[in-house]
N, C-alpha and C. Protein backbone atom coordinates (compact mmCIF):
# COMPACT_ATOMS: atom_id res chain seq x y z
N MET A 1 0.86 -1.17 0.00
CA MET A 1 0.00 0.00 0.00
C MET A 1 0.90 1.23 0.00
N ILE A 2 0.59 2.18 -0.86
CA ILE A 2 1.36 3.42 -0.98
C ILE A 2 1.05 4.33 0.20
N ARG A 3 2.03 5.11 0.62
CA ARG A 3 1.89 6.00 1.77
C ARG A 3 1.80 7.46 1.31
N ALA A 4 0.82 8.18 1.88
CA ALA A 4 0.69 9.62 1.67
C ALA A 4 1.21 10.27 2.95
N HIS A 5 2.23 11.13 2.82
CA HIS A 5 2.96 11.53 4.02
C HIS A 5 3.04 13.02 4.32
N ALA A 6 2.72 13.91 3.37
CA ALA A 6 2.86 15.34 3.63
C ALA A 6 1.94 16.15 2.74
N LEU A 7 1.37 17.21 3.29
CA LEU A 7 0.60 18.14 2.47
C LEU A 7 1.55 18.83 1.51
N THR A 8 1.05 19.16 0.33
CA THR A 8 1.88 19.78 -0.68
C THR A 8 1.07 20.79 -1.50
N ASP A 9 1.78 21.74 -2.04
CA ASP A 9 1.17 22.67 -3.00
C ASP A 9 1.73 22.42 -4.40
N ALA A 10 2.56 21.39 -4.52
CA ALA A 10 3.20 21.09 -5.80
C ALA A 10 2.17 20.76 -6.87
N ALA A 11 2.47 21.19 -8.07
CA ALA A 11 1.62 20.85 -9.21
C ALA A 11 2.01 19.45 -9.67
N PRO A 12 1.06 18.54 -9.74
CA PRO A 12 1.37 17.17 -10.14
C PRO A 12 1.61 17.08 -11.64
N ALA A 13 2.42 16.10 -12.02
CA ALA A 13 2.61 15.81 -13.44
C ALA A 13 1.32 15.20 -13.99
N ASP A 14 1.13 15.29 -15.29
CA ASP A 14 -0.07 14.70 -15.91
C ASP A 14 -0.19 13.24 -15.52
N GLY A 15 -1.39 12.85 -15.13
CA GLY A 15 -1.65 11.46 -14.79
C GLY A 15 -1.11 11.04 -13.44
N ALA A 16 -0.56 11.99 -12.67
CA ALA A 16 0.06 11.65 -11.39
C ALA A 16 -0.82 12.01 -10.21
N VAL A 17 -2.14 12.03 -10.44
CA VAL A 17 -3.06 12.42 -9.38
C VAL A 17 -4.05 11.30 -9.11
N LEU A 18 -4.16 10.93 -7.84
CA LEU A 18 -5.25 10.09 -7.36
C LEU A 18 -6.19 11.01 -6.61
N SER A 19 -7.44 10.64 -6.51
CA SER A 19 -8.35 11.44 -5.70
C SER A 19 -9.11 10.51 -4.77
N ALA A 20 -9.48 11.06 -3.62
CA ALA A 20 -10.26 10.30 -2.64
C ALA A 20 -11.32 11.22 -2.06
N ARG A 21 -12.55 10.75 -2.04
CA ARG A 21 -13.65 11.50 -1.43
C ARG A 21 -13.81 11.03 0.01
N LEU A 22 -13.77 11.99 0.92
CA LEU A 22 -13.88 11.66 2.34
C LEU A 22 -14.95 12.51 3.00
N ALA A 23 -15.72 11.90 3.89
CA ALA A 23 -16.72 12.62 4.67
C ALA A 23 -16.00 13.53 5.67
N TYR A 24 -16.72 14.52 6.15
CA TYR A 24 -16.17 15.51 7.08
C TYR A 24 -15.47 14.86 8.26
N ASP A 25 -16.11 13.88 8.90
CA ASP A 25 -15.53 13.30 10.11
C ASP A 25 -14.30 12.44 9.84
N LEU A 26 -14.01 12.14 8.58
CA LEU A 26 -12.78 11.39 8.24
C LEU A 26 -11.65 12.32 7.79
N ARG A 27 -11.92 13.62 7.69
CA ARG A 27 -10.90 14.54 7.18
C ARG A 27 -10.11 15.25 8.26
N HIS A 28 -10.19 14.81 9.51
CA HIS A 28 -9.33 15.32 10.56
C HIS A 28 -8.62 14.12 11.18
N ARG A 29 -7.51 13.80 10.58
CA ARG A 29 -6.81 12.57 10.94
C ARG A 29 -5.30 12.77 10.83
N ARG A 30 -4.60 11.87 11.48
CA ARG A 30 -3.16 11.75 11.28
C ARG A 30 -2.88 10.50 10.44
N ARG A 31 -3.60 9.44 10.76
CA ARG A 31 -3.34 8.16 10.10
C ARG A 31 -4.68 7.50 9.75
N LEU A 32 -4.81 7.10 8.48
CA LEU A 32 -6.06 6.52 8.01
C LEU A 32 -5.81 5.83 6.68
N THR A 33 -6.42 4.68 6.48
CA THR A 33 -6.37 4.03 5.18
C THR A 33 -7.58 4.48 4.38
N VAL A 34 -7.33 4.98 3.16
CA VAL A 34 -8.42 5.44 2.29
C VAL A 34 -8.34 4.69 0.97
N THR A 35 -9.46 4.64 0.29
CA THR A 35 -9.49 4.05 -1.03
C THR A 35 -9.69 5.17 -2.04
N ALA A 36 -8.73 5.30 -2.95
CA ALA A 36 -8.81 6.32 -4.00
C ALA A 36 -9.92 5.94 -4.97
N ASP A 37 -10.35 6.92 -5.76
CA ASP A 37 -11.43 6.68 -6.71
C ASP A 37 -11.11 5.59 -7.73
N ASN A 38 -9.81 5.34 -7.98
CA ASN A 38 -9.43 4.28 -8.91
C ASN A 38 -9.35 2.91 -8.25
N GLY A 39 -9.67 2.84 -6.93
CA GLY A 39 -9.65 1.58 -6.19
C GLY A 39 -8.35 1.32 -5.45
N GLU A 40 -7.34 2.12 -5.69
CA GLU A 40 -6.06 1.93 -5.01
C GLU A 40 -6.17 2.34 -3.55
N ARG A 41 -5.61 1.51 -2.66
CA ARG A 41 -5.62 1.83 -1.23
C ARG A 41 -4.38 2.65 -0.89
N VAL A 42 -4.60 3.69 -0.07
CA VAL A 42 -3.55 4.62 0.30
C VAL A 42 -3.54 4.76 1.82
N LEU A 43 -2.34 4.70 2.41
CA LEU A 43 -2.19 4.95 3.84
C LEU A 43 -1.89 6.42 4.03
N LEU A 44 -2.85 7.15 4.58
CA LEU A 44 -2.62 8.54 4.95
C LEU A 44 -1.84 8.50 6.26
N ASP A 45 -0.62 8.98 6.26
CA ASP A 45 0.28 8.88 7.41
C ASP A 45 0.99 10.22 7.59
N LEU A 46 0.27 11.19 8.18
CA LEU A 46 0.79 12.54 8.35
C LEU A 46 1.52 12.67 9.69
N PRO A 47 2.42 13.64 9.81
CA PRO A 47 3.17 13.81 11.05
C PRO A 47 2.30 14.17 12.25
N GLU A 48 1.17 14.83 12.01
CA GLU A 48 0.26 15.20 13.09
C GLU A 48 -1.17 15.21 12.55
N ALA A 49 -2.13 15.14 13.48
CA ALA A 49 -3.53 15.21 13.06
C ALA A 49 -3.76 16.52 12.32
N THR A 50 -4.39 16.42 11.16
CA THR A 50 -4.55 17.56 10.27
C THR A 50 -5.97 17.62 9.75
N ARG A 51 -6.54 18.82 9.73
CA ARG A 51 -7.87 19.01 9.14
C ARG A 51 -7.67 19.14 7.64
N LEU A 52 -8.07 18.13 6.90
CA LEU A 52 -7.96 18.15 5.44
C LEU A 52 -9.20 18.83 4.87
N ARG A 53 -8.97 19.77 3.97
CA ARG A 53 -10.05 20.52 3.35
C ARG A 53 -10.26 20.02 1.92
N ASP A 54 -11.41 20.29 1.39
CA ASP A 54 -11.71 19.97 0.01
C ASP A 54 -10.67 20.67 -0.88
N GLY A 55 -9.97 19.91 -1.70
CA GLY A 55 -8.95 20.47 -2.59
C GLY A 55 -7.52 20.34 -2.08
N ASP A 56 -7.35 19.88 -0.85
CA ASP A 56 -5.99 19.67 -0.34
C ASP A 56 -5.29 18.59 -1.14
N LYS A 57 -3.97 18.71 -1.24
CA LYS A 57 -3.16 17.71 -1.94
C LYS A 57 -2.16 17.12 -0.95
N VAL A 58 -2.01 15.81 -1.00
CA VAL A 58 -1.07 15.11 -0.13
C VAL A 58 -0.08 14.36 -1.02
N ALA A 59 1.20 14.54 -0.71
CA ALA A 59 2.26 13.90 -1.50
C ALA A 59 2.32 12.40 -1.19
N LEU A 60 2.40 11.61 -2.23
CA LEU A 60 2.60 10.16 -2.09
C LEU A 60 4.08 9.85 -2.22
N GLU A 61 4.50 8.74 -1.63
CA GLU A 61 5.92 8.36 -1.65
C GLU A 61 6.48 8.19 -3.06
N ASP A 62 5.64 7.84 -4.01
CA ASP A 62 6.13 7.60 -5.37
C ASP A 62 6.11 8.86 -6.25
N GLY A 63 5.82 10.03 -5.64
CA GLY A 63 5.83 11.27 -6.40
C GLY A 63 4.47 11.72 -6.89
N ARG A 64 3.48 10.84 -6.81
CA ARG A 64 2.14 11.24 -7.21
C ARG A 64 1.50 12.08 -6.10
N ILE A 65 0.31 12.58 -6.40
CA ILE A 65 -0.44 13.43 -5.48
C ILE A 65 -1.79 12.78 -5.19
N LEU A 66 -2.21 12.82 -3.94
CA LEU A 66 -3.56 12.40 -3.56
C LEU A 66 -4.37 13.67 -3.34
N LEU A 67 -5.39 13.89 -4.16
CA LEU A 67 -6.28 15.04 -4.05
C LEU A 67 -7.44 14.66 -3.15
N ILE A 68 -7.65 15.45 -2.09
CA ILE A 68 -8.74 15.21 -1.15
C ILE A 68 -9.98 15.96 -1.63
N GLU A 69 -11.10 15.26 -1.69
CA GLU A 69 -12.37 15.87 -2.07
C GLU A 69 -13.39 15.63 -0.96
N ALA A 70 -14.19 16.65 -0.66
CA ALA A 70 -15.24 16.51 0.33
C ALA A 70 -16.37 15.66 -0.27
N GLU A 71 -16.71 14.60 0.41
CA GLU A 71 -17.78 13.71 -0.04
C GLU A 71 -19.15 14.33 0.22
N ALA A 72 -20.10 14.10 -0.65
CA ALA A 72 -21.46 14.57 -0.42
C ALA A 72 -22.04 13.86 0.81
N GLU A 73 -22.68 14.64 1.67
CA GLU A 73 -23.26 14.12 2.91
C GLU A 73 -24.65 14.71 3.09
N GLU A 74 -25.39 14.18 4.03
CA GLU A 74 -26.70 14.74 4.35
C GLU A 74 -26.48 16.03 5.11
N VAL A 75 -26.89 17.14 4.49
CA VAL A 75 -26.70 18.46 5.08
C VAL A 75 -28.03 19.22 5.10
N ALA A 76 -28.02 20.29 5.87
CA ALA A 76 -29.13 21.24 5.88
C ALA A 76 -28.59 22.56 5.38
N GLU A 77 -29.24 23.10 4.36
CA GLU A 77 -28.91 24.42 3.83
C GLU A 77 -29.86 25.40 4.50
N ILE A 78 -29.30 26.40 5.17
CA ILE A 78 -30.11 27.34 5.95
C ILE A 78 -30.06 28.70 5.26
N PHE A 79 -31.20 29.11 4.75
CA PHE A 79 -31.33 30.38 4.04
C PHE A 79 -32.01 31.40 4.93
N PRO A 80 -31.57 32.66 4.89
CA PRO A 80 -32.28 33.68 5.67
C PRO A 80 -33.70 33.82 5.13
N GLY A 81 -34.59 34.19 6.01
CA GLY A 81 -35.98 34.36 5.60
C GLY A 81 -36.59 35.50 6.37
N GLU A 82 -37.89 35.50 6.46
CA GLU A 82 -38.59 36.53 7.22
C GLU A 82 -38.14 36.48 8.68
N GLY A 83 -37.59 37.57 9.15
CA GLY A 83 -37.25 37.66 10.56
C GLY A 83 -35.84 37.24 10.95
N ALA A 84 -35.06 36.69 10.01
CA ALA A 84 -33.70 36.29 10.37
C ALA A 84 -32.77 36.57 9.20
N ASN A 85 -31.64 37.21 9.49
CA ASN A 85 -30.65 37.41 8.43
C ASN A 85 -29.51 36.41 8.60
N LEU A 86 -28.64 36.36 7.62
CA LEU A 86 -27.57 35.35 7.62
C LEU A 86 -26.65 35.49 8.82
N ALA A 87 -26.28 36.72 9.17
CA ALA A 87 -25.38 36.94 10.30
C ALA A 87 -26.01 36.45 11.60
N GLN A 88 -27.28 36.72 11.78
CA GLN A 88 -27.98 36.30 12.99
C GLN A 88 -28.03 34.77 13.07
N LEU A 89 -28.33 34.12 11.97
CA LEU A 89 -28.37 32.66 11.95
C LEU A 89 -26.98 32.08 12.24
N ALA A 90 -25.94 32.68 11.64
CA ALA A 90 -24.57 32.23 11.88
C ALA A 90 -24.20 32.37 13.35
N TRP A 91 -24.63 33.47 13.97
CA TRP A 91 -24.34 33.66 15.39
C TRP A 91 -24.95 32.54 16.23
N HIS A 92 -26.21 32.21 15.96
CA HIS A 92 -26.88 31.17 16.75
C HIS A 92 -26.19 29.81 16.58
N LEU A 93 -25.76 29.49 15.36
CA LEU A 93 -25.04 28.22 15.14
C LEU A 93 -23.67 28.26 15.81
N GLY A 94 -22.98 29.38 15.68
CA GLY A 94 -21.67 29.51 16.31
C GLY A 94 -21.75 29.46 17.82
N ASN A 95 -22.80 30.00 18.37
CA ASN A 95 -22.99 29.98 19.82
C ASN A 95 -23.14 28.55 20.33
N ARG A 96 -23.50 27.64 19.43
CA ARG A 96 -23.63 26.22 19.78
C ARG A 96 -22.41 25.41 19.30
N HIS A 97 -21.38 26.12 18.85
CA HIS A 97 -20.13 25.50 18.37
C HIS A 97 -20.39 24.48 17.27
N THR A 98 -21.31 24.81 16.38
CA THR A 98 -21.70 23.93 15.29
C THR A 98 -20.78 24.14 14.09
N PRO A 99 -20.09 23.11 13.62
CA PRO A 99 -19.32 23.28 12.38
C PRO A 99 -20.27 23.76 11.27
N THR A 100 -19.87 24.86 10.62
CA THR A 100 -20.75 25.50 9.65
C THR A 100 -19.96 25.96 8.44
N ALA A 101 -20.47 25.65 7.26
CA ALA A 101 -19.91 26.20 6.02
C ALA A 101 -20.68 27.48 5.72
N VAL A 102 -19.94 28.56 5.52
CA VAL A 102 -20.55 29.86 5.23
C VAL A 102 -20.46 30.08 3.72
N LEU A 103 -21.59 30.06 3.06
CA LEU A 103 -21.67 30.26 1.62
C LEU A 103 -22.24 31.66 1.35
N ALA A 104 -22.22 32.10 0.13
CA ALA A 104 -22.61 33.47 -0.21
C ALA A 104 -24.01 33.83 0.27
N ASP A 105 -24.97 32.91 0.13
CA ASP A 105 -26.36 33.23 0.44
C ASP A 105 -26.99 32.30 1.47
N ARG A 106 -26.18 31.43 2.09
CA ARG A 106 -26.74 30.46 3.01
C ARG A 106 -25.65 29.87 3.90
N LEU A 107 -26.08 29.13 4.90
CA LEU A 107 -25.19 28.38 5.78
C LEU A 107 -25.45 26.90 5.54
N ARG A 108 -24.43 26.08 5.72
CA ARG A 108 -24.59 24.64 5.53
C ARG A 108 -24.06 23.94 6.78
N ILE A 109 -24.90 23.06 7.34
CA ILE A 109 -24.50 22.25 8.49
C ILE A 109 -24.82 20.79 8.19
N LEU A 110 -24.19 19.88 8.93
CA LEU A 110 -24.61 18.49 8.86
C LEU A 110 -26.02 18.40 9.44
N ARG A 111 -26.81 17.48 8.92
CA ARG A 111 -28.20 17.35 9.36
C ARG A 111 -28.29 17.19 10.88
N ASP A 112 -29.15 17.99 11.49
CA ASP A 112 -29.41 17.94 12.93
C ASP A 112 -30.81 18.51 13.14
N HIS A 113 -31.75 17.65 13.46
CA HIS A 113 -33.15 18.09 13.53
C HIS A 113 -33.36 19.19 14.56
N VAL A 114 -32.60 19.19 15.65
CA VAL A 114 -32.77 20.22 16.67
C VAL A 114 -32.33 21.58 16.13
N LEU A 115 -31.15 21.62 15.46
CA LEU A 115 -30.65 22.88 14.91
C LEU A 115 -31.50 23.35 13.73
N GLU A 116 -31.99 22.40 12.95
CA GLU A 116 -32.87 22.76 11.83
C GLU A 116 -34.16 23.41 12.36
N ALA A 117 -34.73 22.85 13.40
CA ALA A 117 -35.95 23.41 13.99
C ALA A 117 -35.68 24.79 14.58
N MET A 118 -34.52 24.96 15.22
CA MET A 118 -34.16 26.26 15.78
C MET A 118 -34.09 27.31 14.67
N ALA A 119 -33.42 26.96 13.56
CA ALA A 119 -33.28 27.90 12.45
C ALA A 119 -34.66 28.27 11.89
N GLU A 120 -35.54 27.29 11.76
CA GLU A 120 -36.89 27.57 11.26
C GLU A 120 -37.66 28.47 12.22
N ARG A 121 -37.51 28.25 13.54
CA ARG A 121 -38.17 29.12 14.53
C ARG A 121 -37.66 30.55 14.43
N LEU A 122 -36.39 30.71 14.00
CA LEU A 122 -35.82 32.04 13.84
C LEU A 122 -36.21 32.69 12.51
N GLY A 123 -36.97 31.99 11.70
CA GLY A 123 -37.45 32.56 10.44
C GLY A 123 -36.68 32.10 9.21
N ALA A 124 -35.76 31.16 9.36
CA ALA A 124 -34.98 30.67 8.22
C ALA A 124 -35.79 29.66 7.42
N ARG A 125 -35.35 29.49 6.17
CA ARG A 125 -35.87 28.41 5.32
C ARG A 125 -34.78 27.34 5.29
N VAL A 126 -35.13 26.11 5.65
CA VAL A 126 -34.17 25.01 5.72
C VAL A 126 -34.45 24.03 4.59
N VAL A 127 -33.42 23.73 3.81
CA VAL A 127 -33.52 22.78 2.72
C VAL A 127 -32.61 21.60 3.05
N ARG A 128 -33.19 20.42 3.12
CA ARG A 128 -32.42 19.21 3.42
C ARG A 128 -31.99 18.59 2.10
N THR A 129 -30.68 18.31 1.99
CA THR A 129 -30.14 17.82 0.73
C THR A 129 -28.85 17.05 0.98
N GLU A 130 -28.19 16.65 -0.09
CA GLU A 130 -26.85 16.07 0.00
C GLU A 130 -25.90 16.98 -0.74
N ALA A 131 -24.77 17.29 -0.10
CA ALA A 131 -23.76 18.16 -0.70
C ALA A 131 -22.45 17.97 0.05
N PRO A 132 -21.32 18.33 -0.57
CA PRO A 132 -20.05 18.28 0.16
C PRO A 132 -20.10 19.21 1.37
N PHE A 133 -19.50 18.78 2.47
CA PHE A 133 -19.48 19.60 3.69
C PHE A 133 -18.04 19.94 4.02
N ASP A 134 -17.72 21.22 3.93
CA ASP A 134 -16.37 21.71 4.20
C ASP A 134 -16.49 22.99 5.03
N PRO A 135 -16.70 22.83 6.37
CA PRO A 135 -16.99 23.99 7.20
C PRO A 135 -15.77 24.89 7.40
N GLU A 136 -16.06 26.09 7.89
CA GLU A 136 -15.00 27.03 8.26
C GLU A 136 -14.14 26.41 9.35
N VAL A 137 -12.87 26.79 9.37
CA VAL A 137 -12.00 26.38 10.48
C VAL A 137 -12.01 27.51 11.50
N GLY A 138 -11.61 27.20 12.72
CA GLY A 138 -11.61 28.20 13.78
C GLY A 138 -10.65 29.34 13.51
N ALA A 139 -11.00 30.51 14.00
CA ALA A 139 -10.18 31.71 13.79
C ALA A 139 -8.89 31.67 14.59
N TYR A 140 -8.80 30.83 15.61
CA TYR A 140 -7.63 30.82 16.47
C TYR A 140 -6.67 29.68 16.20
N HIS A 141 -6.88 29.00 15.10
CA HIS A 141 -5.91 27.98 14.68
C HIS A 141 -5.89 27.93 13.17
N ASP A 142 -4.93 27.20 12.64
CA ASP A 142 -4.74 27.22 11.18
C ASP A 142 -5.45 26.10 10.46
N GLY A 143 -6.35 25.41 11.11
CA GLY A 143 -7.11 24.37 10.43
C GLY A 143 -6.51 23.00 10.59
N GLY A 144 -5.51 22.87 11.47
CA GLY A 144 -5.00 21.54 11.76
C GLY A 144 -3.63 21.27 11.24
N GLY A 145 -2.74 22.22 11.35
CA GLY A 145 -1.36 21.91 11.04
C GLY A 145 -0.83 22.54 9.77
N HIS A 146 -1.62 23.34 9.07
CA HIS A 146 -1.11 23.99 7.88
C HIS A 146 -1.91 25.24 7.58
N SER A 147 -1.26 26.16 6.90
CA SER A 147 -1.99 27.38 6.54
C SER A 147 -2.83 27.10 5.32
N HIS A 148 -3.86 27.94 5.13
CA HIS A 148 -4.82 27.63 4.08
C HIS A 148 -5.46 28.85 3.50
N HIS A 149 -5.82 28.74 2.26
CA HIS A 149 -6.70 29.72 1.65
C HIS A 149 -8.09 29.09 1.61
N HIS A 150 -9.10 29.90 1.44
CA HIS A 150 -10.48 29.39 1.44
C HIS A 150 -10.81 28.70 0.12
N HIS A 151 -11.48 27.56 0.19
CA HIS A 151 -11.94 26.85 -1.01
C HIS A 151 -13.42 27.10 -1.18
N ASP A 152 -13.86 27.43 -2.37
CA ASP A 152 -15.29 27.58 -2.64
C ASP A 152 -15.89 26.28 -3.06
């Protein structure tokens, strides 16, 4: 099994990219075996636990790159509505320490009937769907061991 050992910003050579779709709860790891989209098994073996974001690249021992993709999951899309604006809704979710993806016109959380009901009581429109979940990282850390730019 090939080992993925370090985050990289290197541009891969043509054909030198594997990709793996991982759910949110599997993307904060130090060590994990994943199956790439081509069926190849890869040992993710990083020096420390790292929050992997959608679009991160991890160097493989053989020079190839493993591209991390956020897997579609059951999420709730929270849109502002009558009586609640986006900032207010974000505050209520943040006050509950809820991992939240902040999008241009809505917030995205993993499905949680209690939080969905709260948002609706505040006047939001909640749409239950499946989509990649890549929440914001905390302001007081770098996202788990590396600096990052925001991925849309």
